[in-house]
Amino acid sequence: MFRKKESEYLKQYFLSKKDLAHVTEVTVEFINEAVAYEAVPGASYTVKNSTSFSSFIFESSIEETSTEFFHKDIVVWVNRAKELYTQNKSFKATGQIVQDEFKKQYLNYISKHSSFSEEEKIAMYLNTKKHLKEGTYGVCVLDMGEAENIAAKQLAAYNLSLFTDDGQKPSFNTQEKAKYETLVQEYNKYTMPFAPWDYPNSSRKRLVDNLQKKLNEEV
């Protein structure tokens, strides 16, 4: 069973699939189909529980259950999928429209806010598309209702990593400290605090908290 801290984190930022269906007034089956056809990102977490039963007369048995959790902003995606599905009655067509919209918005943002080559931008998009399907961005993007927010988070983390040598930069001069704080502010605008179980391996710990602690010790 989850401890209180973990349960509170899920409650604050996520919805179970059943609750997501309730909030968006669709069925669980609709969400399953929408996810399968990539009209909606996949669940970010699956929580598994086991319950043991035993009695004097029968052997012990174990019942296992699992619950999928989606970032609360997936409500935006489900509502868009519902709108499109109402129009075309096809999950395949709905998924294609959503993916086309996402690709256009994502690449437009990357093009405006970076100097990556066309090949690099396409590679970023394909990698993003894969992780979107697997629910990755529900784990790390604070507001994932829009493609631009996902792209912004990626660039914020990239710029912070580049500036700090992936968190290994040994020291900062006065100008570098000011630049670093600006980059951290941009990162914080788009990035989740991270779940207690993910935080030790997160970019937040590596690029922000560890370095800020080091800077404070130097003062």
C-alpha atoms as a PDB file:
ATOM      1  CA  MET A   1       0.000   0.000   0.000  1.00  0.00           C
ATOM      2  CA  PHE A   2       1.140   3.551  -0.688  1.00  0.00           C
ATOM      3  CA  ARG A   3       2.234   5.638   2.231  1.00  0.00           C
ATOM      4  CA  LYS A   4       0.414   8.900   2.940  1.00  0.00           C
ATOM      5  CA  LYS A   5       2.976  11.087   1.155  1.00  0.00           C
ATOM      6  CA  GLU A   6       2.773   9.067  -2.052  1.00  0.00           C
ATOM      7  CA  SER A   7      -1.022   8.899  -1.961  1.00  0.00           C
ATOM      8  CA  GLU A   8      -1.300  12.662  -1.486  1.00  0.00           C
ATOM      9  CA  TYR A   9       0.958  13.281  -4.478  1.00  0.00           C
ATOM     10  CA  LEU A  10      -1.210  11.139  -6.733  1.00  0.00           C
ATOM     11  CA  LYS A  11      -4.354  12.807  -5.427  1.00  0.00           C
ATOM     12  CA  GLN A  12      -2.963  16.280  -6.095  1.00  0.00           C
ATOM     13  CA  TYR A  13      -1.730  15.757  -9.648  1.00  0.00           C
ATOM     14  CA  PHE A  14      -3.443  12.669 -11.068  1.00  0.00           C
ATOM     15  CA  LEU A  15      -6.763  10.993 -11.758  1.00  0.00           C
ATOM     16  CA  SER A  16      -7.482   7.293 -11.879  1.00  0.00           C
ATOM     17  CA  LYS A  17      -8.822   6.094 -15.211  1.00  0.00           C
ATOM     18  CA  LYS A  18     -12.242   5.655 -13.644  1.00  0.00           C
ATOM     19  CA  ASP A  19     -12.210   9.214 -12.275  1.00  0.00           C
ATOM     20  CA  LEU A  20     -10.932  10.571 -15.588  1.00  0.00           C
ATOM     21  CA  ALA A  21     -13.851   8.912 -17.344  1.00  0.00           C
ATOM     22  CA  HIS A  22     -16.268  10.377 -14.803  1.00  0.00           C
ATOM     23  CA  VAL A  23     -14.887  13.918 -15.075  1.00  0.00           C
ATOM     24  CA  THR A  24     -14.975  13.902 -18.880  1.00  0.00           C
ATOM     25  CA  GLU A  25     -18.305  12.062 -19.093  1.00  0.00           C
ATOM     26  CA  VAL A  26     -17.016   9.197 -21.219  1.00  0.00           C
ATOM     27  CA  THR A  27     -16.633   5.489 -20.566  1.00  0.00           C
ATOM     28  CA  VAL A  28     -13.450   3.723 -19.507  1.00  0.00           C
ATOM     29  CA  GLU A  29     -13.703   1.863 -22.815  1.00  0.00           C
ATOM     30  CA  PHE A  30     -13.629   5.211 -24.655  1.00  0.00           C
ATOM     31  CA  ILE A  31     -10.403   6.151 -22.870  1.00  0.00           C
ATOM     32  CA  ASN A  32      -8.881   2.762 -23.679  1.00  0.00           C
ATOM     33  CA  GLU A  33      -9.653   3.220 -27.385  1.00  0.00           C
ATOM     34  CA  ALA A  34      -8.492   6.840 -27.423  1.00  0.00           C
ATOM     35  CA  VAL A  35      -5.171   5.827 -25.839  1.00  0.00           C
ATOM     36  CA  ALA A  36      -4.777   2.884 -28.231  1.00  0.00           C
ATOM     37  CA  TYR A  37      -5.166   5.197 -31.228  1.00  0.00           C
ATOM     38  CA  GLU A  38      -2.926   7.887 -29.668  1.00  0.00           C
ATOM     39  CA  ALA A  39      -5.658  10.484 -29.372  1.00  0.00           C
ATOM     40  CA  VAL A  40      -4.917  10.605 -25.635  1.00  0.00           C
ATOM     41  CA  PRO A  41      -1.546  10.061 -23.888  1.00  0.00           C
ATOM     42  CA  GLY A  42      -1.124   6.867 -21.916  1.00  0.00           C
ATOM     43  CA  ALA A  43      -1.317   6.512 -18.160  1.00  0.00           C
ATOM     44  CA  SER A  44       1.705   7.834 -16.294  1.00  0.00           C
ATOM     45  CA  TYR A  45       1.550   5.390 -13.386  1.00  0.00           C
ATOM     46  CA  THR A  46       0.138   1.968 -12.682  1.00  0.00           C
ATOM     47  CA  VAL A  47      -0.298   1.198  -8.998  1.00  0.00           C
ATOM     48  CA  LYS A  48      -0.491  -2.491  -8.164  1.00  0.00           C
ATOM     49  CA  ASN A  49      -1.821  -3.915  -4.910  1.00  0.00           C
ATOM     50  CA  SER A  50      -1.979  -7.456  -3.583  1.00  0.00           C
ATOM     51  CA  THR A  51      -4.408  -8.715  -0.963  1.00  0.00           C
ATOM     52  CA  SER A  52      -3.872 -12.069   0.729  1.00  0.00           C
ATOM     53  CA  PHE A  53      -6.785 -14.258   1.863  1.00  0.00           C
ATOM     54  CA  SER A  54      -6.455 -17.322   4.088  1.00  0.00           C
ATOM     55  CA  SER A  55      -8.748 -19.597   6.067  1.00  0.00           C
ATOM     56  CA  PHE A  56      -8.474 -22.768   8.109  1.00  0.00           C
ATOM     57  CA  ILE A  57     -10.247 -24.939   5.557  1.00  0.00           C
ATOM     58  CA  PHE A  58      -8.938 -23.495   2.272  1.00  0.00           C
ATOM     59  CA  GLU A  59      -5.444 -22.663   1.080  1.00  0.00           C
ATOM     60  CA  SER A  60      -4.229 -19.108   1.019  1.00  0.00           C
ATOM     61  CA  SER A  61      -4.900 -17.025  -2.088  1.00  0.00           C
ATOM     62  CA  ILE A  62      -3.787 -13.639  -3.341  1.00  0.00           C
ATOM     63  CA  GLU A  63      -5.894 -11.133  -5.239  1.00  0.00           C
ATOM     64  CA  GLU A  64      -3.957  -8.620  -7.303  1.00  0.00           C
ATOM     65  CA  THR A  65      -5.408  -5.325  -8.548  1.00  0.00           C
ATOM     66  CA  SER A  66      -3.937  -2.473 -10.567  1.00  0.00           C
ATOM     67  CA  THR A  67      -5.050   1.115 -11.083  1.00  0.00           C
ATOM     68  CA  GLU A  68      -3.844   3.402 -13.855  1.00  0.00           C
ATOM     69  CA  PHE A  69      -3.342   7.095 -13.122  1.00  0.00           C
ATOM     70  CA  PHE A  70      -3.387   9.951 -15.649  1.00  0.00           C
ATOM     71  CA  HIS A  71      -2.114  13.511 -15.204  1.00  0.00           C
ATOM     72  CA  LYS A  72      -5.101  15.760 -14.493  1.00  0.00           C
ATOM     73  CA  ASP A  73      -4.452  17.762 -17.670  1.00  0.00           C
ATOM     74  CA  ILE A  74      -5.316  14.675 -19.695  1.00  0.00           C
ATOM     75  CA  VAL A  75      -8.881  15.932 -19.248  1.00  0.00           C
ATOM     76  CA  VAL A  76      -8.061  18.427 -22.034  1.00  0.00           C
ATOM     77  CA  TRP A  77      -6.970  15.614 -24.329  1.00  0.00           C
ATOM     78  CA  VAL A  78     -10.002  13.442 -23.586  1.00  0.00           C
ATOM     79  CA  ASN A  79     -12.380  16.332 -24.212  1.00  0.00           C
ATOM     80  CA  ARG A  80     -10.691  17.035 -27.567  1.00  0.00           C
ATOM     81  CA  ALA A  81     -10.876  13.350 -28.494  1.00  0.00           C
ATOM     82  CA  LYS A  82     -14.551  13.269 -27.515  1.00  0.00           C
ATOM     83  CA  GLU A  83     -15.262  16.329 -29.661  1.00  0.00           C
ATOM     84  CA  LEU A  84     -13.536  14.832 -32.694  1.00  0.00           C
ATOM     85  CA  TYR A  85     -15.028  11.387 -32.223  1.00  0.00           C
ATOM     86  CA  THR A  86     -18.508  12.905 -32.088  1.00  0.00           C
ATOM     87  CA  GLN A  87     -17.806  14.393 -35.516  1.00  0.00           C
ATOM     88  CA  ASN A  88     -16.205  11.445 -37.302  1.00  0.00           C
ATOM     89  CA  LYS A  89     -17.169   8.323 -35.287  1.00  0.00           C
ATOM     90  CA  SER A  90     -13.678   6.906 -35.828  1.00  0.00           C
ATOM     91  CA  PHE A  91     -10.948   6.476 -33.219  1.00  0.00           C
ATOM     92  CA  LYS A  92      -8.386   6.064 -35.998  1.00  0.00           C
ATOM     93  CA  ALA A  93      -9.355   9.376 -37.616  1.00  0.00           C
ATOM     94  CA  THR A  94      -9.540  11.062 -34.219  1.00  0.00           C
ATOM     95  CA  GLY A  95      -6.063   9.873 -33.308  1.00  0.00           C
ATOM     96  CA  GLN A  96      -4.631  11.066 -36.610  1.00  0.00           C
ATOM     97  CA  ILE A  97      -6.125  14.547 -36.221  1.00  0.00           C
ATOM     98  CA  VAL A  98      -4.853  14.867 -32.643  1.00  0.00           C
ATOM     99  CA  GLN A  99      -1.366  13.724 -33.657  1.00  0.00           C
ATOM    100  CA  ASP A 100      -1.268  16.107 -36.617  1.00  0.00           C
ATOM    101  CA  GLU A 101      -2.305  18.998 -34.362  1.00  0.00           C
ATOM    102  CA  PHE A 102       0.273  18.058 -31.752  1.00  0.00           C
ATOM    103  CA  LYS A 103       3.080  17.743 -34.318  1.00  0.00           C
ATOM    104  CA  LYS A 104       2.339  21.156 -35.820  1.00  0.00           C
ATOM    105  CA  GLN A 105       2.148  22.918 -32.448  1.00  0.00           C
ATOM    106  CA  TYR A 106       5.206  21.130 -31.055  1.00  0.00           C
ATOM    107  CA  LEU A 107       7.455  21.821 -34.047  1.00  0.00           C
ATOM    108  CA  ASN A 108       6.299  25.433 -34.287  1.00  0.00           C
ATOM    109  CA  TYR A 109       7.310  26.040 -30.675  1.00  0.00           C
ATOM    110  CA  ILE A 110      10.676  24.304 -31.044  1.00  0.00           C
ATOM    111  CA  SER A 111      11.402  26.265 -34.234  1.00  0.00           C
ATOM    112  CA  LYS A 112      10.621  29.598 -32.575  1.00  0.00           C
ATOM    113  CA  HIS A 113      12.603  28.968 -29.386  1.00  0.00           C
ATOM    114  CA  SER A 114      15.672  27.017 -30.470  1.00  0.00           C
ATOM    115  CA  SER A 115      18.285  26.760 -33.209  1.00  0.00           C
ATOM    116  CA  PHE A 116      18.082  23.013 -33.754  1.00  0.00           C
ATOM    117  CA  SER A 117      18.380  21.744 -37.314  1.00  0.00           C
ATOM    118  CA  GLU A 118      15.372  20.302 -39.124  1.00  0.00           C
ATOM    119  CA  GLU A 119      16.743  16.801 -38.615  1.00  0.00           C
ATOM    120  CA  GLU A 120      17.185  17.418 -34.895  1.00  0.00           C
ATOM    121  CA  LYS A 121      13.672  18.820 -34.549  1.00  0.00           C
ATOM    122  CA  ILE A 122      12.135  15.815 -36.290  1.00  0.00           C
ATOM    123  CA  ALA A 123      14.144  13.461 -34.075  1.00  0.00           C
ATOM    124  CA  MET A 124      12.920  15.355 -31.004  1.00  0.00           C
ATOM    125  CA  TYR A 125       9.337  15.119 -32.193  1.00  0.00           C
ATOM    126  CA  LEU A 126       9.537  11.361 -32.853  1.00  0.00           C
ATOM    127  CA  ASN A 127      11.042  10.756 -29.429  1.00  0.00           C
ATOM    128  CA  THR A 128       8.379  12.970 -27.850  1.00  0.00           C
ATOM    129  CA  LYS A 129       5.624  11.104 -29.691  1.00  0.00           C
ATOM    130  CA  LYS A 130       6.910   7.803 -28.302  1.00  0.00           C
ATOM    131  CA  HIS A 131       7.035   9.083 -24.728  1.00  0.00           C
ATOM    132  CA  LEU A 132       3.654  10.762 -25.051  1.00  0.00           C
ATOM    133  CA  LYS A 133       2.132   7.370 -25.792  1.00  0.00           C
ATOM    134  CA  GLU A 134       3.788   5.904 -22.703  1.00  0.00           C
ATOM    135  CA  GLY A 135       2.590   8.652 -20.338  1.00  0.00           C
ATOM    136  CA  THR A 136       6.065  10.040 -19.659  1.00  0.00           C
ATOM    137  CA  TYR A 137       5.080  13.698 -19.768  1.00  0.00           C
ATOM    138  CA  GLY A 138       2.449  13.257 -17.099  1.00  0.00           C
ATOM    139  CA  VAL A 139       5.369  12.435 -14.836  1.00  0.00           C
ATOM    140  CA  CYS A 140       7.491  15.500 -15.588  1.00  0.00           C
ATOM    141  CA  VAL A 141       5.442  18.294 -17.236  1.00  0.00           C
ATOM    142  CA  LEU A 142       3.503  20.540 -14.888  1.00  0.00           C
ATOM    143  CA  ASP A 143       0.827  21.599 -17.388  1.00  0.00           C
ATOM    144  CA  MET A 144       0.560  19.144 -20.253  1.00  0.00           C
ATOM    145  CA  GLY A 145      -2.701  20.336 -21.721  1.00  0.00           C
ATOM    146  CA  GLU A 146      -0.848  21.924 -24.657  1.00  0.00           C
ATOM    147  CA  ALA A 147       1.940  20.722 -26.940  1.00  0.00           C
ATOM    148  CA  GLU A 148       3.785  23.998 -26.364  1.00  0.00           C
ATOM    149  CA  ASN A 149       4.103  23.265 -22.641  1.00  0.00           C
ATOM    150  CA  ILE A 150       5.716  19.913 -23.315  1.00  0.00           C
ATOM    151  CA  ALA A 151       8.158  21.493 -25.760  1.00  0.00           C
ATOM    152  CA  ALA A 152       8.875  24.335 -23.327  1.00  0.00           C
ATOM    153  CA  LYS A 153       9.672  21.895 -20.534  1.00  0.00           C
ATOM    154  CA  GLN A 154      12.041  19.972 -22.785  1.00  0.00           C
ATOM    155  CA  LEU A 155      13.892  23.124 -23.821  1.00  0.00           C
ATOM    156  CA  ALA A 156      14.046  24.419 -20.247  1.00  0.00           C
ATOM    157  CA  ALA A 157      15.590  21.167 -19.042  1.00  0.00           C
ATOM    158  CA  TYR A 158      17.935  21.026 -22.044  1.00  0.00           C
ATOM    159  CA  ASN A 159      19.186  24.596 -21.518  1.00  0.00           C
ATOM    160  CA  LEU A 160      19.674  24.047 -17.798  1.00  0.00           C
ATOM    161  CA  SER A 161      21.530  20.793 -18.390  1.00  0.00           C
ATOM    162  CA  LEU A 162      23.750  22.396 -21.034  1.00  0.00           C
ATOM    163  CA  PHE A 163      24.599  25.370 -18.828  1.00  0.00           C
ATOM    164  CA  THR A 164      25.420  23.257 -15.757  1.00  0.00           C
ATOM    165  CA  ASP A 165      27.250  20.398 -17.506  1.00  0.00           C
ATOM    166  CA  ASP A 166      24.301  18.190 -16.584  1.00  0.00           C
ATOM    167  CA  GLY A 167      24.522  19.281 -12.971  1.00  0.00           C
ATOM    168  CA  GLN A 168      28.275  18.722 -12.667  1.00  0.00           C
ATOM    169  CA  LYS A 169      29.500  22.319 -13.107  1.00  0.00           C
ATOM    170  CA  PRO A 170      31.972  22.842 -10.238  1.00  0.00           C
ATOM    171  CA  SER A 171      31.408  26.562  -9.624  1.00  0.00           C
ATOM    172  CA  PHE A 172      29.612  29.714 -10.824  1.00  0.00           C
ATOM    173  CA  ASN A 173      30.845  33.276 -11.039  1.00  0.00           C
ATOM    174  CA  THR A 174      28.463  36.146 -10.284  1.00  0.00           C
ATOM    175  CA  GLN A 175      27.169  36.424 -13.845  1.00  0.00           C
ATOM    176  CA  GLU A 176      26.761  32.674 -14.152  1.00  0.00           C
ATOM    177  CA  LYS A 177      24.780  32.549 -10.915  1.00  0.00           C
ATOM    178  CA  ALA A 178      22.338  35.121 -12.273  1.00  0.00           C
ATOM    179  CA  LYS A 179      22.005  33.198 -15.550  1.00  0.00           C
ATOM    180  CA  TYR A 180      21.517  29.970 -13.650  1.00  0.00           C
ATOM    181  CA  GLU A 181      18.700  31.430 -11.549  1.00  0.00           C
ATOM    182  CA  THR A 182      16.948  32.645 -14.712  1.00  0.00           C
ATOM    183  CA  LEU A 183      17.186  29.169 -16.215  1.00  0.00           C
ATOM    184  CA  VAL A 184      15.835  27.626 -13.014  1.00  0.00           C
ATOM    185  CA  GLN A 185      12.857  29.981 -13.054  1.00  0.00           C
ATOM    186  CA  GLU A 186      12.040  28.909 -16.619  1.00  0.00           C
ATOM    187  CA  TYR A 187      12.435  25.259 -15.656  1.00  0.00           C
ATOM    188  CA  ASN A 188      10.122  25.672 -12.661  1.00  0.00           C
ATOM    189  CA  LYS A 189       7.379  27.186 -14.851  1.00  0.00           C
ATOM    190  CA  TYR A 190       6.967  23.947 -16.776  1.00  0.00           C
ATOM    191  CA  THR A 191       8.267  21.112 -14.615  1.00  0.00           C
ATOM    192  CA  MET A 192       6.569  18.888 -12.049  1.00  0.00           C
ATOM    193  CA  PRO A 193       7.955  18.685  -8.498  1.00  0.00           C
ATOM    194  CA  PHE A 194       8.243  14.937  -9.245  1.00  0.00           C
ATOM    195  CA  ALA A 195       6.763  12.096  -7.250  1.00  0.00           C
ATOM    196  CA  PRO A 196       8.574  11.009  -4.067  1.00  0.00           C
ATOM    197  CA  TRP A 197       9.547   7.714  -5.695  1.00  0.00           C
ATOM    198  CA  ASP A 198      10.891   9.454  -8.848  1.00  0.00           C
ATOM    199  CA  TYR A 199      12.561  12.482  -7.280  1.00  0.00           C
ATOM    200  CA  PRO A 200      15.950  10.862  -6.465  1.00  0.00           C
ATOM    201  CA  ASN A 201      16.556  10.262 -10.203  1.00  0.00           C
ATOM    202  CA  SER A 202      14.850  13.419 -11.468  1.00  0.00           C
ATOM    203  CA  SER A 203      16.261  16.378 -13.375  1.00  0.00           C
ATOM    204  CA  ARG A 204      14.939  18.586 -10.570  1.00  0.00           C
ATOM    205  CA  LYS A 205      17.233  16.980  -8.018  1.00  0.00           C
ATOM    206  CA  ARG A 206      20.205  16.831 -10.388  1.00  0.00           C
ATOM    207  CA  LEU A 207      19.948  20.249 -12.050  1.00  0.00           C
ATOM    208  CA  VAL A 208      18.208  22.378  -9.432  1.00  0.00           C
ATOM    209  CA  ASP A 209      18.165  21.204  -5.833  1.00  0.00           C
ATOM    210  CA  ASN A 210      21.671  19.732  -5.681  1.00  0.00           C
ATOM    211  CA  LEU A 211      23.239  22.780  -7.333  1.00  0.00           C
ATOM    212  CA  GLN A 212      21.254  25.312  -5.324  1.00  0.00           C
ATOM    213  CA  LYS A 213      22.317  23.581  -2.131  1.00  0.00           C
ATOM    214  CA  LYS A 214      25.925  23.783  -3.295  1.00  0.00           C
ATOM    215  CA  LEU A 215      25.588  27.490  -4.138  1.00  0.00           C
ATOM    216  CA  ASN A 216      24.051  28.246  -0.767  1.00  0.00           C
ATOM    217  CA  GLU A 217      26.936  26.507   0.973  1.00  0.00           C
ATOM    218  CA  GLU A 218      29.388  28.677  -0.929  1.00  0.00           C
ATOM    219  CA  VAL A 219      27.813  31.922   0.310  1.00  0.00           C
END
